[in-house]
Amino acid sequence: MTGHKPRELDVPPMPEGMEYLVGLFWECKRTSDPLLWSELEAWSRLMDRYLEPEEYRALMRMDSIQCRVAHEGIGA
């Protein structure tokens, strides 16, 4: 760990009612590898969880931040 909070995590609180995205993210995220759109699409189909495009984009953005933070922690 670097000991400092990444600026991407310094964001306003998640809008009320959107907290469920965190749970969905960890349900989708099964490896430390970046999440692929094809994996997200397969998860959505298999779990019968069809989301709005903004929700899919939010999950991918969460993954991008998580991967970057995890990668930075490796070299620390």
PDB file of N, CA and C in Angstrom:
ATOM      1  N   MET A   1       0.832  -1.185   0.000  1.00  0.00           N
ATOM      2  CA  MET A   1       0.000   0.000   0.000  1.00  0.00           C
ATOM      3  C   MET A   1       0.872   1.242   0.000  1.00  0.00           C
ATOM      4  N   THR A   2       0.361   2.281  -0.613  1.00  0.00           N
ATOM      5  CA  THR A   2       1.113   3.527  -0.712  1.00  0.00           C
ATOM      6  C   THR A   2       0.896   4.427   0.494  1.00  0.00           C
ATOM      7  N   GLY A   3      -0.143   4.183   1.246  1.00  0.00           N
ATOM      8  CA  GLY A   3      -0.429   5.004   2.406  1.00  0.00           C
ATOM      9  C   GLY A   3      -1.246   6.245   2.087  1.00  0.00           C
ATOM     10  N   HIS A   4      -1.604   6.428   0.831  1.00  0.00           N
ATOM     11  CA  HIS A   4      -2.443   7.571   0.483  1.00  0.00           C
ATOM     12  C   HIS A   4      -3.659   7.098  -0.302  1.00  0.00           C
ATOM     13  N   LYS A   5      -4.707   7.878  -0.177  1.00  0.00           N
ATOM     14  CA  LYS A   5      -5.971   7.559  -0.842  1.00  0.00           C
ATOM     15  C   LYS A   5      -5.900   8.016  -2.299  1.00  0.00           C
ATOM     16  N   PRO A   6      -6.143   7.114  -3.270  1.00  0.00           N
ATOM     17  CA  PRO A   6      -6.146   7.524  -4.673  1.00  0.00           C
ATOM     18  C   PRO A   6      -7.215   8.584  -4.921  1.00  0.00           C
ATOM     19  N   ARG A   7      -6.889   9.561  -5.762  1.00  0.00           N
ATOM     20  CA  ARG A   7      -7.839  10.652  -6.014  1.00  0.00           C
ATOM     21  C   ARG A   7      -9.152  10.146  -6.602  1.00  0.00           C
ATOM     22  N   GLU A   8      -9.128   9.011  -7.310  1.00  0.00           N
ATOM     23  CA  GLU A   8     -10.368   8.448  -7.861  1.00  0.00           C
ATOM     24  C   GLU A   8     -11.339   8.029  -6.774  1.00  0.00           C
ATOM     25  N   LEU A   9     -10.814   7.755  -5.585  1.00  0.00           N
ATOM     26  CA  LEU A   9     -11.686   7.350  -4.477  1.00  0.00           C
ATOM     27  C   LEU A   9     -12.215   8.548  -3.702  1.00  0.00           C
ATOM     28  N   ASP A  10     -11.726   9.726  -4.011  1.00  0.00           N
ATOM     29  CA  ASP A  10     -12.180  10.952  -3.369  1.00  0.00           C
ATOM     30  C   ASP A  10     -13.345  11.515  -4.176  1.00  0.00           C
ATOM     31  N   VAL A  11     -14.461  10.836  -4.070  1.00  0.00           N
ATOM     32  CA  VAL A  11     -15.648  11.185  -4.853  1.00  0.00           C
ATOM     33  C   VAL A  11     -16.831  11.403  -3.915  1.00  0.00           C
ATOM     34  N   PRO A  12     -17.843  12.078  -4.411  1.00  0.00           N
ATOM     35  CA  PRO A  12     -19.049  12.243  -3.581  1.00  0.00           C
ATOM     36  C   PRO A  12     -19.643  10.873  -3.255  1.00  0.00           C
ATOM     37  N   PRO A  13     -20.419  10.810  -2.183  1.00  0.00           N
ATOM     38  CA  PRO A  13     -21.054   9.533  -1.842  1.00  0.00           C
ATOM     39  C   PRO A  13     -21.915   9.032  -2.988  1.00  0.00           C
ATOM     40  N   MET A  14     -22.063   7.724  -3.053  1.00  0.00           N
ATOM     41  CA  MET A  14     -22.893   7.120  -4.082  1.00  0.00           C
ATOM     42  C   MET A  14     -24.333   7.591  -3.881  1.00  0.00           C
ATOM     43  N   PRO A  15     -25.002   7.945  -4.971  1.00  0.00           N
ATOM     44  CA  PRO A  15     -26.397   8.388  -4.830  1.00  0.00           C
ATOM     45  C   PRO A  15     -27.242   7.333  -4.125  1.00  0.00           C
ATOM     46  N   GLU A  16     -28.141   7.818  -3.306  1.00  0.00           N
ATOM     47  CA  GLU A  16     -29.019   6.910  -2.574  1.00  0.00           C
ATOM     48  C   GLU A  16     -29.753   6.006  -3.560  1.00  0.00           C
ATOM     49  N   GLY A  17     -29.803   4.740  -3.236  1.00  0.00           N
ATOM     50  CA  GLY A  17     -30.459   3.763  -4.087  1.00  0.00           C
ATOM     51  C   GLY A  17     -29.524   3.067  -5.062  1.00  0.00           C
ATOM     52  N   MET A  18     -28.275   3.516  -5.149  1.00  0.00           N
ATOM     53  CA  MET A  18     -27.313   2.917  -6.084  1.00  0.00           C
ATOM     54  C   MET A  18     -26.308   2.013  -5.363  1.00  0.00           C
ATOM     55  N   GLU A  19     -26.438   1.864  -4.057  1.00  0.00           N
ATOM     56  CA  GLU A  19     -25.495   1.056  -3.280  1.00  0.00           C
ATOM     57  C   GLU A  19     -25.422  -0.387  -3.766  1.00  0.00           C
ATOM     58  N   TYR A  20     -26.495  -0.858  -4.370  1.00  0.00           N
ATOM     59  CA  TYR A  20     -26.538  -2.232  -4.858  1.00  0.00           C
ATOM     60  C   TYR A  20     -25.433  -2.519  -5.876  1.00  0.00           C
ATOM     61  N   LEU A  21     -24.923  -1.477  -6.549  1.00  0.00           N
ATOM     62  CA  LEU A  21     -23.878  -1.688  -7.549  1.00  0.00           C
ATOM     63  C   LEU A  21     -22.608  -2.271  -6.933  1.00  0.00           C
ATOM     64  N   VAL A  22     -22.325  -1.921  -5.694  1.00  0.00           N
ATOM     65  CA  VAL A  22     -21.138  -2.474  -5.033  1.00  0.00           C
ATOM     66  C   VAL A  22     -21.290  -3.988  -4.885  1.00  0.00           C
ATOM     67  N   GLY A  23     -22.446  -4.439  -4.463  1.00  0.00           N
ATOM     68  CA  GLY A  23     -22.691  -5.872  -4.352  1.00  0.00           C
ATOM     69  C   GLY A  23     -22.616  -6.578  -5.691  1.00  0.00           C
ATOM     70  N   LEU A  24     -23.189  -5.962  -6.718  1.00  0.00           N
ATOM     71  CA  LEU A  24     -23.129  -6.552  -8.052  1.00  0.00           C
ATOM     72  C   LEU A  24     -21.692  -6.620  -8.554  1.00  0.00           C
ATOM     73  N   PHE A  25     -20.920  -5.579  -8.258  1.00  0.00           N
ATOM     74  CA  PHE A  25     -19.524  -5.566  -8.684  1.00  0.00           C
ATOM     75  C   PHE A  25     -18.776  -6.767  -8.121  1.00  0.00           C
ATOM     76  N   TRP A  26     -18.886  -7.002  -6.832  1.00  0.00           N
ATOM     77  CA  TRP A  26     -18.148  -8.120  -6.226  1.00  0.00           C
ATOM     78  C   TRP A  26     -18.738  -9.467  -6.623  1.00  0.00           C
ATOM     79  N   GLU A  27     -19.991  -9.493  -7.036  1.00  0.00           N
ATOM     80  CA  GLU A  27     -20.579 -10.727  -7.573  1.00  0.00           C
ATOM     81  C   GLU A  27     -19.971 -11.052  -8.937  1.00  0.00           C
ATOM     82  N   CYS A  28     -19.719 -10.020  -9.725  1.00  0.00           N
ATOM     83  CA  CYS A  28     -19.134 -10.192 -11.067  1.00  0.00           C
ATOM     84  C   CYS A  28     -17.630 -10.423 -11.012  1.00  0.00           C
ATOM     85  N   LYS A  29     -16.959  -9.760 -10.105  1.00  0.00           N
ATOM     86  CA  LYS A  29     -15.497  -9.732 -10.051  1.00  0.00           C
ATOM     87  C   LYS A  29     -14.988 -10.993  -9.356  1.00  0.00           C
ATOM     88  N   ARG A  30     -14.469 -11.928 -10.123  1.00  0.00           N
ATOM     89  CA  ARG A  30     -14.032 -13.209  -9.568  1.00  0.00           C
ATOM     90  C   ARG A  30     -12.524 -13.414  -9.590  1.00  0.00           C
ATOM     91  N   THR A  31     -11.803 -12.555 -10.311  1.00  0.00           N
ATOM     92  CA  THR A  31     -10.344 -12.668 -10.368  1.00  0.00           C
ATOM     93  C   THR A  31      -9.738 -11.284 -10.214  1.00  0.00           C
ATOM     94  N   SER A  32      -8.432 -11.235 -10.101  1.00  0.00           N
ATOM     95  CA  SER A  32      -7.759  -9.942 -10.025  1.00  0.00           C
ATOM     96  C   SER A  32      -7.544  -9.335 -11.407  1.00  0.00           C
ATOM     97  N   ASP A  33      -7.852 -10.094 -12.458  1.00  0.00           N
ATOM     98  CA  ASP A  33      -7.723  -9.584 -13.820  1.00  0.00           C
ATOM     99  C   ASP A  33      -8.814  -8.554 -14.095  1.00  0.00           C
ATOM    100  N   PRO A  34      -8.537  -7.635 -15.019  1.00  0.00           N
ATOM    101  CA  PRO A  34      -9.589  -6.676 -15.381  1.00  0.00           C
ATOM    102  C   PRO A  34     -10.836  -7.389 -15.899  1.00  0.00           C
ATOM    103  N   LEU A  35     -11.965  -6.860 -15.551  1.00  0.00           N
ATOM    104  CA  LEU A  35     -13.244  -7.396 -15.994  1.00  0.00           C
ATOM    105  C   LEU A  35     -13.430  -7.053 -17.469  1.00  0.00           C
ATOM    106  N   LEU A  36     -13.814  -8.020 -18.255  1.00  0.00           N
ATOM    107  CA  LEU A  36     -14.047  -7.808 -19.680  1.00  0.00           C
ATOM    108  C   LEU A  36     -15.540  -7.598 -19.923  1.00  0.00           C
ATOM    109  N   TRP A  37     -15.853  -6.825 -20.963  1.00  0.00           N
ATOM    110  CA  TRP A  37     -17.255  -6.617 -21.316  1.00  0.00           C
ATOM    111  C   TRP A  37     -17.939  -7.954 -21.587  1.00  0.00           C
ATOM    112  N   SER A  38     -17.233  -8.876 -22.228  1.00  0.00           N
ATOM    113  CA  SER A  38     -17.831 -10.180 -22.540  1.00  0.00           C
ATOM    114  C   SER A  38     -18.139 -10.963 -21.263  1.00  0.00           C
ATOM    115  N   GLU A  39     -17.292 -10.822 -20.237  1.00  0.00           N
ATOM    116  CA  GLU A  39     -17.564 -11.491 -18.965  1.00  0.00           C
ATOM    117  C   GLU A  39     -18.778 -10.873 -18.277  1.00  0.00           C
ATOM    118  N   LEU A  40     -18.863  -9.556 -18.333  1.00  0.00           N
ATOM    119  CA  LEU A  40     -19.999  -8.871 -17.731  1.00  0.00           C
ATOM    120  C   LEU A  40     -21.301  -9.250 -18.444  1.00  0.00           C
ATOM    121  N   GLU A  41     -21.230  -9.339 -19.762  1.00  0.00           N
ATOM    122  CA  GLU A  41     -22.408  -9.737 -20.542  1.00  0.00           C
ATOM    123  C   GLU A  41     -22.818 -11.172 -20.224  1.00  0.00           C
ATOM    124  N   ALA A  42     -21.831 -12.071 -20.115  1.00  0.00           N
ATOM    125  CA  ALA A  42     -22.127 -13.470 -19.786  1.00  0.00           C
ATOM    126  C   ALA A  42     -22.714 -13.579 -18.384  1.00  0.00           C
ATOM    127  N   TRP A  43     -22.137 -12.856 -17.418  1.00  0.00           N
ATOM    128  CA  TRP A  43     -22.660 -12.866 -16.048  1.00  0.00           C
ATOM    129  C   TRP A  43     -24.108 -12.387 -16.043  1.00  0.00           C
ATOM    130  N   SER A  44     -24.366 -11.297 -16.757  1.00  0.00           N
ATOM    131  CA  SER A  44     -25.707 -10.733 -16.814  1.00  0.00           C
ATOM    132  C   SER A  44     -26.707 -11.746 -17.361  1.00  0.00           C
ATOM    133  N   ARG A  45     -26.333 -12.420 -18.431  1.00  0.00           N
ATOM    134  CA  ARG A  45     -27.216 -13.406 -19.054  1.00  0.00           C
ATOM    135  C   ARG A  45     -27.422 -14.615 -18.143  1.00  0.00           C
ATOM    136  N   LEU A  46     -26.341 -15.141 -17.582  1.00  0.00           N
ATOM    137  CA  LEU A  46     -26.443 -16.341 -16.743  1.00  0.00           C
ATOM    138  C   LEU A  46     -27.200 -16.101 -15.439  1.00  0.00           C
ATOM    139  N   MET A  47     -27.041 -14.906 -14.887  1.00  0.00           N
ATOM    140  CA  MET A  47     -27.706 -14.578 -13.628  1.00  0.00           C
ATOM    141  C   MET A  47     -29.081 -13.939 -13.847  1.00  0.00           C
ATOM    142  N   ASP A  48     -29.438 -13.755 -15.123  1.00  0.00           N
ATOM    143  CA  ASP A  48     -30.709 -13.126 -15.475  1.00  0.00           C
ATOM    144  C   ASP A  48     -30.825 -11.751 -14.813  1.00  0.00           C
ATOM    145  N   ARG A  49     -29.712 -10.997 -14.878  1.00  0.00           N
ATOM    146  CA  ARG A  49     -29.625  -9.649 -14.290  1.00  0.00           C
ATOM    147  C   ARG A  49     -29.356  -8.659 -15.408  1.00  0.00           C
ATOM    148  N   TYR A  50     -30.368  -8.098 -15.970  1.00  0.00           N
ATOM    149  CA  TYR A  50     -30.203  -7.137 -17.056  1.00  0.00           C
ATOM    150  C   TYR A  50     -30.246  -5.730 -16.480  1.00  0.00           C
ATOM    151  N   LEU A  51     -29.179  -5.006 -16.723  1.00  0.00           N
ATOM    152  CA  LEU A  51     -29.005  -3.683 -16.161  1.00  0.00           C
ATOM    153  C   LEU A  51     -29.117  -2.617 -17.239  1.00  0.00           C
ATOM    154  N   GLU A  52     -29.241  -1.389 -16.792  1.00  0.00           N
ATOM    155  CA  GLU A  52     -29.226  -0.246 -17.693  1.00  0.00           C
ATOM    156  C   GLU A  52     -27.785  -0.006 -18.158  1.00  0.00           C
ATOM    157  N   PRO A  53     -27.596   0.566 -19.344  1.00  0.00           N
ATOM    158  CA  PRO A  53     -26.241   0.837 -19.830  1.00  0.00           C
ATOM    159  C   PRO A  53     -25.380   1.616 -18.823  1.00  0.00           C
ATOM    160  N   GLU A  54     -25.979   2.584 -18.125  1.00  0.00           N
ATOM    161  CA  GLU A  54     -25.220   3.358 -17.139  1.00  0.00           C
ATOM    162  C   GLU A  54     -24.710   2.469 -16.004  1.00  0.00           C
ATOM    163  N   GLU A  55     -25.500   1.460 -15.653  1.00  0.00           N
ATOM    164  CA  GLU A  55     -25.091   0.553 -14.577  1.00  0.00           C
ATOM    165  C   GLU A  55     -23.907  -0.309 -15.019  1.00  0.00           C
ATOM    166  N   TYR A  56     -23.946  -0.786 -16.263  1.00  0.00           N
ATOM    167  CA  TYR A  56     -22.815  -1.552 -16.780  1.00  0.00           C
ATOM    168  C   TYR A  56     -21.562  -0.690 -16.823  1.00  0.00           C
ATOM    169  N   ARG A  57     -21.717   0.554 -17.282  1.00  0.00           N
ATOM    170  CA  ARG A  57     -20.560   1.462 -17.329  1.00  0.00           C
ATOM    171  C   ARG A  57     -20.013   1.725 -15.935  1.00  0.00           C
ATOM    172  N   ALA A  58     -20.896   1.867 -14.958  1.00  0.00           N
ATOM    173  CA  ALA A  58     -20.452   2.089 -13.578  1.00  0.00           C
ATOM    174  C   ALA A  58     -19.659   0.881 -13.070  1.00  0.00           C
ATOM    175  N   LEU A  59     -20.120  -0.326 -13.367  1.00  0.00           N
ATOM    176  CA  LEU A  59     -19.398  -1.530 -12.945  1.00  0.00           C
ATOM    177  C   LEU A  59     -18.014  -1.591 -13.585  1.00  0.00           C
ATOM    178  N   MET A  60     -17.922  -1.237 -14.857  1.00  0.00           N
ATOM    179  CA  MET A  60     -16.630  -1.252 -15.536  1.00  0.00           C
ATOM    180  C   MET A  60     -15.702  -0.179 -14.976  1.00  0.00           C
ATOM    181  N   ARG A  61     -16.250   0.973 -14.625  1.00  0.00           N
ATOM    182  CA  ARG A  61     -15.429   2.039 -14.028  1.00  0.00           C
ATOM    183  C   ARG A  61     -14.936   1.605 -12.654  1.00  0.00           C
ATOM    184  N   MET A  62     -15.797   0.975 -11.876  1.00  0.00           N
ATOM    185  CA  MET A  62     -15.397   0.460 -10.565  1.00  0.00           C
ATOM    186  C   MET A  62     -14.258  -0.535 -10.728  1.00  0.00           C
ATOM    187  N   ASP A  63     -14.352  -1.384 -11.752  1.00  0.00           N
ATOM    188  CA  ASP A  63     -13.302  -2.367 -11.995  1.00  0.00           C
ATOM    189  C   ASP A  63     -11.999  -1.688 -12.382  1.00  0.00           C
ATOM    190  N   SER A  64     -12.078  -0.679 -13.210  1.00  0.00           N
ATOM    191  CA  SER A  64     -10.884   0.045 -13.621  1.00  0.00           C
ATOM    192  C   SER A  64     -10.163   0.644 -12.411  1.00  0.00           C
ATOM    193  N   ILE A  65     -10.912   1.259 -11.528  1.00  0.00           N
ATOM    194  CA  ILE A  65     -10.329   1.845 -10.320  1.00  0.00           C
ATOM    195  C   ILE A  65      -9.761   0.757  -9.423  1.00  0.00           C
ATOM    196  N   GLN A  66     -10.510  -0.323  -9.220  1.00  0.00           N
ATOM    197  CA  GLN A  66     -10.045  -1.402  -8.339  1.00  0.00           C
ATOM    198  C   GLN A  66      -8.760  -2.012  -8.869  1.00  0.00           C
ATOM    199  N   CYS A  67      -8.682  -2.249 -10.167  1.00  0.00           N
ATOM    200  CA  CYS A  67      -7.476  -2.843 -10.757  1.00  0.00           C
ATOM    201  C   CYS A  67      -6.278  -1.916 -10.620  1.00  0.00           C
ATOM    202  N   ARG A  68      -6.493  -0.624 -10.864  1.00  0.00           N
ATOM    203  CA  ARG A  68      -5.393   0.330 -10.759  1.00  0.00           C
ATOM    204  C   ARG A  68      -4.872   0.417  -9.331  1.00  0.00           C
ATOM    205  N   VAL A  69      -5.780   0.501  -8.371  1.00  0.00           N
ATOM    206  CA  VAL A  69      -5.385   0.583  -6.967  1.00  0.00           C
ATOM    207  C   VAL A  69      -4.663  -0.698  -6.547  1.00  0.00           C
ATOM    208  N   ALA A  70      -5.169  -1.858  -6.955  1.00  0.00           N
ATOM    209  CA  ALA A  70      -4.537  -3.133  -6.608  1.00  0.00           C
ATOM    210  C   ALA A  70      -3.158  -3.229  -7.229  1.00  0.00           C
ATOM    211  N   HIS A  71      -3.009  -2.778  -8.473  1.00  0.00           N
ATOM    212  CA  HIS A  71      -1.712  -2.832  -9.173  1.00  0.00           C
ATOM    213  C   HIS A  71      -0.697  -1.907  -8.512  1.00  0.00           C
ATOM    214  N   GLU A  72      -1.122  -0.715  -8.118  1.00  0.00           N
ATOM    215  CA  GLU A  72      -0.221   0.214  -7.439  1.00  0.00           C
ATOM    216  C   GLU A  72       0.251  -0.339  -6.114  1.00  0.00           C
ATOM    217  N   GLY A  73      -0.602  -1.112  -5.453  1.00  0.00           N
ATOM    218  CA  GLY A  73      -0.242  -1.682  -4.158  1.00  0.00           C
ATOM    219  C   GLY A  73       0.819  -2.754  -4.255  1.00  0.00           C
ATOM    220  N   ILE A  74       0.966  -3.396  -5.416  1.00  0.00           N
ATOM    221  CA  ILE A  74       1.943  -4.470  -5.602  1.00  0.00           C
ATOM    222  C   ILE A  74       3.357  -3.947  -5.462  1.00  0.00           C
ATOM    223  N   GLY A  75       3.639  -2.806  -6.041  1.00  0.00           N
ATOM    224  CA  GLY A  75       4.993  -2.266  -6.026  1.00  0.00           C
ATOM    225  C   GLY A  75       5.337  -1.495  -4.770  1.00  0.00           C
ATOM    226  N   ALA A  76       4.385  -1.275  -3.902  1.00  0.00           N
ATOM    227  CA  ALA A  76       4.622  -0.446  -2.706  1.00  0.00           C
ATOM    228  C   ALA A  76       5.397  -1.211  -1.665  1.00  0.00           C
TER     229      ALA A  76
END
